[in-house]
Every structure is written in C-alpha cells, then in structure tokens.
C-alpha cells in the first residue's frame, strides 16, 4: 500500500491568525497517522512559471487516512482557525509510488 501526500501552497495574509492554525493542526494530522515533511522553509523554482508562496507537505499511511483526516470534525474545527488568515490555500492529495519490497 502506498503512502498518500497532501501538498499545500498558501499565501499567509494574517500571520498572527495563521499561527493559531499552525498550533492546532499537528494534533489533527497525528490523529490520522500523518506527519509533516515540509512546513514552510526555503524553496526555489527549478522549472516552470509556478511561484509558490509557502509550501507544506504531509505524509499519511494511505489515501483513505488522508481523506479521513481532511473530513474529520477535528480538522474541520482547525480549518476554521485559518479563516481570514490566508489570501489563498490550495491543497491536493496524491498517492505515492508503491515501491517493491
């Protein structure tokens, strides 16, 4: 079974409010077996026109756990903390490659 990855590109417009979201999100992620691989940090565009603002990437055991995390009441209440804190917040989930054992 392949891991699933949630990739987010966002532009924070209210850093103080966004910090409330950042403080609450890790518990919701961990509750579904997820972990942060990237949370902000330096980045560089290597090809193309995409100009990301802030990137986050999370890993979950599988697509079902990633979707359950997103749909759960716990994360829905965490998402509410983000309201008004970002200019945009784009999120996608993608299934990883199943590597042979």
C-alpha atoms as a PDB file:
ATOM      1  CA  UNK A   1       0.000   0.000   0.000  1.00  0.00           C
ATOM      2  CA  UNK A   2       1.340   3.418  -0.974  1.00  0.00           C
ATOM      3  CA  UNK A   3       1.639   6.464   1.242  1.00  0.00           C
ATOM      4  CA  UNK A   4      -0.501   9.484   0.415  1.00  0.00           C
ATOM      5  CA  UNK A   5       0.853  13.006   0.353  1.00  0.00           C
ATOM      6  CA  UNK A   6      -1.039  16.223   0.939  1.00  0.00           C
ATOM      7  CA  UNK A   7       0.634  19.162  -0.763  1.00  0.00           C
ATOM      8  CA  UNK A   8      -0.399  22.715   0.077  1.00  0.00           C
ATOM      9  CA  UNK A   9       0.513  26.053  -1.481  1.00  0.00           C
ATOM     10  CA  UNK A  10      -0.719  29.023   0.504  1.00  0.00           C
ATOM     11  CA  UNK A  11      -0.170  32.729   0.922  1.00  0.00           C
ATOM     12  CA  UNK A  12      -0.456  33.873   4.529  1.00  0.00           C
ATOM     13  CA  UNK A  13      -2.079  37.296   4.869  1.00  0.00           C
ATOM     14  CA  UNK A  14      -2.570  37.387   8.661  1.00  0.00           C
ATOM     15  CA  UNK A  15       0.450  35.773  10.358  1.00  0.00           C
ATOM     16  CA  UNK A  16      -0.952  36.120  13.899  1.00  0.00           C
ATOM     17  CA  UNK A  17      -4.183  34.329  12.965  1.00  0.00           C
ATOM     18  CA  UNK A  18      -2.282  31.736  10.929  1.00  0.00           C
ATOM     19  CA  UNK A  19      -0.170  30.885  13.989  1.00  0.00           C
ATOM     20  CA  UNK A  20      -3.386  29.732  15.711  1.00  0.00           C
ATOM     21  CA  UNK A  21      -3.944  27.299  12.834  1.00  0.00           C
ATOM     22  CA  UNK A  22      -0.298  26.163  12.945  1.00  0.00           C
ATOM     23  CA  UNK A  23      -0.555  25.450  16.664  1.00  0.00           C
ATOM     24  CA  UNK A  24      -3.714  23.352  16.312  1.00  0.00           C
ATOM     25  CA  UNK A  25      -3.078  21.457  13.054  1.00  0.00           C
ATOM     26  CA  UNK A  26      -0.338  18.993  14.172  1.00  0.00           C
ATOM     27  CA  UNK A  27      -2.631  17.167  16.618  1.00  0.00           C
ATOM     28  CA  UNK A  28      -5.240  16.642  13.878  1.00  0.00           C
ATOM     29  CA  UNK A  29      -2.558  15.420  11.467  1.00  0.00           C
ATOM     30  CA  UNK A  30      -1.094  12.989  14.022  1.00  0.00           C
ATOM     31  CA  UNK A  31      -4.549  11.633  14.922  1.00  0.00           C
ATOM     32  CA  UNK A  32      -4.718  10.075  11.433  1.00  0.00           C
ATOM     33  CA  UNK A  33      -1.138   8.823  11.296  1.00  0.00           C
ATOM     34  CA  UNK A  34       0.107  11.821   9.358  1.00  0.00           C
ATOM     35  CA  UNK A  35       3.360  13.678   9.670  1.00  0.00           C
ATOM     36  CA  UNK A  36       4.780  16.900   8.303  1.00  0.00           C
ATOM     37  CA  UNK A  37       7.583  16.527   5.776  1.00  0.00           C
ATOM     38  CA  UNK A  38       7.654  20.210   4.782  1.00  0.00           C
ATOM     39  CA  UNK A  39       6.172  23.155   6.628  1.00  0.00           C
ATOM     40  CA  UNK A  40       7.299  26.426   5.106  1.00  0.00           C
ATOM     41  CA  UNK A  41      11.018  26.742   4.643  1.00  0.00           C
ATOM     42  CA  UNK A  42      13.171  27.923   1.831  1.00  0.00           C
ATOM     43  CA  UNK A  43      12.219  26.887  -1.695  1.00  0.00           C
ATOM     44  CA  UNK A  44      13.383  27.624  -5.216  1.00  0.00           C
ATOM     45  CA  UNK A  45      11.526  27.281  -8.511  1.00  0.00           C
ATOM     46  CA  UNK A  46      13.551  24.991 -10.737  1.00  0.00           C
ATOM     47  CA  UNK A  47      11.263  24.937 -13.808  1.00  0.00           C
ATOM     48  CA  UNK A  48       8.051  26.489 -14.993  1.00  0.00           C
ATOM     49  CA  UNK A  49       6.008  29.525 -14.021  1.00  0.00           C
ATOM     50  CA  UNK A  50       4.687  28.371 -10.644  1.00  0.00           C
ATOM     51  CA  UNK A  51       5.607  30.893  -7.959  1.00  0.00           C
ATOM     52  CA  UNK A  52       4.591  29.249  -4.684  1.00  0.00           C
ATOM     53  CA  UNK A  53       4.351  31.390  -1.597  1.00  0.00           C
ATOM     54  CA  UNK A  54       4.524  28.873   1.270  1.00  0.00           C
ATOM     55  CA  UNK A  55       4.579  25.100   0.800  1.00  0.00           C
ATOM     56  CA  UNK A  56       3.567  22.351   3.207  1.00  0.00           C
ATOM     57  CA  UNK A  57       3.713  18.628   2.553  1.00  0.00           C
ATOM     58  CA  UNK A  58       2.290  15.928   4.787  1.00  0.00           C
ATOM     59  CA  UNK A  59       2.520  12.141   4.548  1.00  0.00           C
ATOM     60  CA  UNK A  60      -0.266   9.756   5.572  1.00  0.00           C
ATOM     61  CA  UNK A  61      -0.300   5.953   5.623  1.00  0.00           C
ATOM     62  CA  UNK A  62      -2.683   5.871   2.628  1.00  0.00           C
ATOM     63  CA  UNK A  63      -5.291   7.859   0.683  1.00  0.00           C
ATOM     64  CA  UNK A  64      -8.106   6.763   2.982  1.00  0.00           C
ATOM     65  CA  UNK A  65      -6.354   8.110   6.108  1.00  0.00           C
ATOM     66  CA  UNK A  66      -5.528  11.382   4.351  1.00  0.00           C
ATOM     67  CA  UNK A  67      -9.162  11.822   3.305  1.00  0.00           C
ATOM     68  CA  UNK A  68     -10.406  10.847   6.771  1.00  0.00           C
ATOM     69  CA  UNK A  69      -8.102  13.488   8.286  1.00  0.00           C
ATOM     70  CA  UNK A  70      -9.488  16.174   5.983  1.00  0.00           C
ATOM     71  CA  UNK A  71     -13.129  15.196   6.564  1.00  0.00           C
ATOM     72  CA  UNK A  72     -12.893  14.729  10.351  1.00  0.00           C
ATOM     73  CA  UNK A  73     -14.584  17.161  12.721  1.00  0.00           C
ATOM     74  CA  UNK A  74     -11.264  17.777  14.475  1.00  0.00           C
ATOM     75  CA  UNK A  75      -9.616  19.135  11.323  1.00  0.00           C
ATOM     76  CA  UNK A  76     -12.767  20.999  10.289  1.00  0.00           C
ATOM     77  CA  UNK A  77     -12.538  22.975  13.545  1.00  0.00           C
ATOM     78  CA  UNK A  78      -8.811  23.543  12.940  1.00  0.00           C
ATOM     79  CA  UNK A  79      -9.565  24.812   9.401  1.00  0.00           C
ATOM     80  CA  UNK A  80     -11.926  27.373  10.917  1.00  0.00           C
ATOM     81  CA  UNK A  81      -8.914  28.903  12.703  1.00  0.00           C
ATOM     82  CA  UNK A  82      -7.420  29.562   9.265  1.00  0.00           C
ATOM     83  CA  UNK A  83     -10.407  31.589   8.015  1.00  0.00           C
ATOM     84  CA  UNK A  84      -9.216  35.034   7.027  1.00  0.00           C
ATOM     85  CA  UNK A  85      -5.542  34.164   7.613  1.00  0.00           C
ATOM     86  CA  UNK A  86      -4.614  33.346   4.007  1.00  0.00           C
ATOM     87  CA  UNK A  87      -5.013  35.054   0.658  1.00  0.00           C
ATOM     88  CA  UNK A  88      -5.240  31.582  -0.880  1.00  0.00           C
ATOM     89  CA  UNK A  89      -4.875  27.992   0.344  1.00  0.00           C
ATOM     90  CA  UNK A  90      -4.595  25.286  -2.321  1.00  0.00           C
ATOM     91  CA  UNK A  91      -4.485  21.664  -1.174  1.00  0.00           C
ATOM     92  CA  UNK A  92      -4.187  18.418  -3.113  1.00  0.00           C
ATOM     93  CA  UNK A  93      -3.752  14.796  -2.048  1.00  0.00           C
ATOM     94  CA  UNK A  94      -1.759  12.429  -4.248  1.00  0.00           C
ATOM     95  CA  UNK A  95      -0.992   8.764  -3.876  1.00  0.00           C
ATOM     96  CA  UNK A  96       2.680   7.887  -3.741  1.00  0.00           C
ATOM     97  CA  UNK A  97       4.508   5.172  -5.613  1.00  0.00           C
ATOM     98  CA  UNK A  98       4.218   1.638  -4.301  1.00  0.00           C
ATOM     99  CA  UNK A  99       7.826   0.561  -4.083  1.00  0.00           C
ATOM    100  CA  UNK A 100       8.603  -3.147  -4.378  1.00  0.00           C
ATOM    101  CA  UNK A 101       9.615  -4.821  -1.123  1.00  0.00           C
END
